[in-house]
Structure formats: structure tokens, C-alpha cells
Amino acid sequence: MDEFELPGWSHLVYESDALVVLGTYGTVAFLVYFPLGVLVPALRPWAAAASICFHVSIAFFMGLTGFALTMIACDLVFLSDALDRAATRLRTRRRPRPREHAGQEAAGQEAVEGEPAERDTAAEPEDQDRTRAPGGAEPSRPELV
């Protein structure tokens, strides 16, 4: 069908028996193993990447861009944990380490606005005694149900 091809490119794939067989078996293998990739957390990024490549090829060779973009957006759900971890790593790398501020405060410089200043717990022993239960034991925390 002319409506499901990319002019100038699709005929190169459709006329090659080896590429048609490779594409057919590759699609079947992907569709069979994709659920396994989704169920195993370590394989999720790989399964999502394979699915995105699969749907990009559908958009490219068949011209179904609306369908492909919708499915790629759905595939990004499988990457949400990995993207959260990557964003957390980026945020923590941007924050200066507490050791950097300790040297500045000792030199008489103020702490950066919005970040809590470090407390010298050795200088305030009375605060430590208030947090401990009678007898010096750690206070117990109630369990949430």
C-alpha cells in the first residue's frame, strides 16, 4: 500500500528478502521478550530502548508517525524510575558538600542563603540531653500502621 511507506526508502527494505525476514523475525522476537524485559527491573531500560527503536522504525518505514509517537510516550513510563534516579544524581551533584561550608563559616563567612548552617553538637550538650529518654536510652519511635 502506498499510504504505509516512506517515499524513497521503504521500497529498499521491502524489495530485499533478507531485510524483510530480519525485520519479521526481529519484530516477533521483540514482542515475545518485551514482557520479560518489563517484568525484570534491571532489563526495563533496555526493553524501553528497544521499544522506542521499534516504534521509530514504524514511524520511519511505514509513515505511522502519530501511532509511533504515542507508543514512544507510553514507553517512557518504563523509564520513569531510571529518569528519577538520574535526576536525583544530577541534583545531588550540584549541591556543595557540607565540608566546603564548614571551612567558610570558620573563616567568618556566612553560610549560603537557603542552606542550613552546620551545628556544632559538642558545644551544645544540653540539647543532646533533651532528645534522650530518661536513663540515657534512645527515644523510641512509634510505628506507623
Protein backbone atom coordinates (compact mmCIF):
# COMPACT_ATOMS: atom_id res chain seq x y z
CA MET A 1 0.00 0.00 0.00
CA ASP A 2 1.33 3.38 -0.92
CA GLU A 3 -0.05 5.08 2.17
CA PHE A 4 2.12 2.94 4.52
CA GLU A 5 5.54 3.66 3.11
CA LEU A 6 8.18 6.33 3.21
CA PRO A 7 8.84 7.52 -0.34
CA GLY A 8 12.37 6.73 -1.47
CA TRP A 9 13.26 4.46 1.48
CA SER A 10 10.59 1.86 2.13
CA HIS A 11 10.99 0.16 -1.22
CA LEU A 12 14.68 -0.52 -0.40
CA VAL A 13 13.61 -2.59 2.59
CA TYR A 14 10.53 -4.19 1.03
CA GLU A 15 12.44 -5.37 -2.06
CA SER A 16 15.20 -7.08 -0.06
CA ASP A 17 14.21 -10.56 1.08
CA ALA A 18 16.92 -10.63 3.77
CA LEU A 19 15.76 -7.35 5.33
CA VAL A 20 12.10 -8.43 5.27
CA VAL A 21 12.97 -11.73 7.01
CA LEU A 22 15.22 -9.94 9.51
CA GLY A 23 12.53 -7.35 10.25
CA THR A 24 9.82 -10.01 10.62
CA TYR A 25 11.76 -12.27 12.97
CA GLY A 26 13.14 -9.26 14.85
CA THR A 27 9.61 -7.99 15.44
CA VAL A 28 8.41 -11.37 16.68
CA ALA A 29 11.41 -11.76 19.00
CA PHE A 30 10.90 -8.24 20.36
CA LEU A 31 7.19 -8.79 21.02
CA VAL A 32 7.83 -12.13 22.73
CA TYR A 33 10.62 -10.89 25.02
CA PHE A 34 9.31 -7.39 25.74
CA PRO A 35 7.08 -8.54 28.66
CA LEU A 36 10.11 -10.24 30.25
CA GLY A 37 12.08 -7.02 29.89
CA VAL A 38 9.31 -5.06 31.58
CA LEU A 39 8.93 -7.50 34.48
CA VAL A 40 12.64 -7.61 35.37
CA PRO A 41 13.61 -4.16 36.75
CA ALA A 42 17.22 -4.42 35.58
CA LEU A 43 16.05 -5.00 31.99
CA ARG A 44 13.45 -2.20 31.88
CA PRO A 45 15.73 0.47 30.39
CA TRP A 46 16.84 -1.96 27.68
CA ALA A 47 13.28 -3.03 26.94
CA ALA A 48 12.17 0.60 26.72
CA ALA A 49 15.09 1.47 24.43
CA ALA A 50 14.29 -1.48 22.17
CA SER A 51 10.63 -0.47 22.10
CA ILE A 52 11.49 3.13 21.25
CA CYS A 53 13.72 1.94 18.38
CA PHE A 54 10.97 -0.39 17.20
CA HIS A 55 8.40 2.40 17.12
CA VAL A 56 10.80 4.85 15.47
CA SER A 57 11.28 2.29 12.69
CA ILE A 58 7.49 2.02 12.35
CA ALA A 59 7.28 5.81 12.01
CA PHE A 60 10.16 5.89 9.53
CA PHE A 61 9.29 2.96 7.25
CA MET A 62 5.51 2.85 7.50
CA GLY A 63 4.72 6.54 7.94
CA LEU A 64 2.58 5.96 11.04
CA THR A 65 4.10 8.85 12.98
CA GLY A 66 1.07 9.56 15.17
CA PHE A 67 0.92 5.95 16.35
CA ALA A 68 4.69 5.77 16.82
CA LEU A 69 4.88 8.97 18.88
CA THR A 70 2.01 7.80 21.08
CA MET A 71 3.70 4.48 21.73
CA ILE A 72 7.07 6.15 22.42
CA ALA A 73 5.34 8.35 25.01
CA CYS A 74 3.91 5.19 26.59
CA ASP A 75 7.37 3.58 26.57
CA LEU A 76 8.75 6.45 28.62
CA VAL A 77 6.66 5.19 31.56
CA PHE A 78 9.05 2.26 31.82
CA LEU A 79 11.96 4.67 32.13
CA SER A 80 10.40 6.77 34.91
CA ASP A 81 12.42 5.10 37.71
CA ALA A 82 15.67 5.42 35.80
CA LEU A 83 14.92 9.03 34.92
CA ASP A 84 14.10 9.79 38.60
CA ARG A 85 17.40 8.29 39.71
CA ALA A 86 19.31 10.24 37.06
CA ALA A 87 17.59 13.50 38.06
CA THR A 88 18.36 12.83 41.72
CA ARG A 89 22.01 12.22 40.89
CA LEU A 90 22.16 15.46 38.93
CA ARG A 91 20.56 17.40 41.79
CA THR A 92 22.92 15.99 44.40
CA ARG A 93 25.99 16.69 42.27
CA ARG A 94 25.05 20.36 42.02
CA ARG A 95 24.80 20.86 45.78
CA PRO A 96 28.04 21.78 47.53
CA ARG A 97 29.21 19.34 50.13
CA PRO A 98 28.88 20.31 53.83
CA ARG A 99 32.68 20.27 54.29
CA GLU A 100 33.02 23.24 51.96
CA HIS A 101 30.72 25.37 54.14
CA ALA A 102 32.36 24.34 57.40
CA GLY A 103 35.63 25.94 56.31
CA GLN A 104 33.87 29.11 55.20
CA GLU A 105 31.98 29.52 58.49
CA ALA A 106 35.14 29.01 60.49
CA ALA A 107 36.78 31.79 58.47
CA GLY A 108 33.93 34.16 59.42
CA GLN A 109 31.91 33.85 56.21
CA GLU A 110 28.16 33.34 56.31
CA ALA A 111 26.52 30.21 55.03
CA VAL A 112 24.85 30.29 51.61
CA GLU A 113 21.27 31.51 51.84
CA GLY A 114 18.70 28.71 51.77
CA GLU A 115 21.07 26.09 53.15
CA PRO A 116 21.10 25.26 56.84
CA ALA A 117 24.23 26.14 58.74
CA GLU A 118 26.09 23.26 60.34
CA ARG A 119 25.59 22.86 64.08
CA ASP A 120 28.42 22.18 66.46
CA THR A 121 26.85 19.48 68.63
CA ALA A 122 29.83 19.37 71.00
CA ALA A 123 29.19 22.98 72.03
CA GLU A 124 25.54 22.32 72.96
CA PRO A 125 25.42 19.25 75.24
CA GLU A 126 22.14 20.34 76.85
CA ASP A 127 20.31 19.89 73.52
CA GLN A 128 21.53 16.33 73.29
CA ASP A 129 20.20 15.53 76.76
CA ARG A 130 16.72 16.78 75.84
CA THR A 131 16.44 14.32 72.95
CA ARG A 132 17.33 11.29 75.02
CA ALA A 133 14.88 9.36 77.14
CA PRO A 134 15.43 9.11 80.91
CA GLY A 135 18.38 6.86 81.69
CA GLY A 136 20.28 7.89 78.52
CA ALA A 137 18.45 5.44 76.19
CA GLU A 138 17.48 6.47 72.69
CA PRO A 139 13.83 7.54 72.46
CA SER A 140 11.57 5.00 70.81
CA ARG A 141 9.66 5.90 67.69
CA PRO A 142 6.02 4.89 67.33
CA GLU A 143 5.26 2.55 64.46
CA LEU A 144 3.01 3.76 61.71
CA VAL A 145 0.16 1.48 60.82
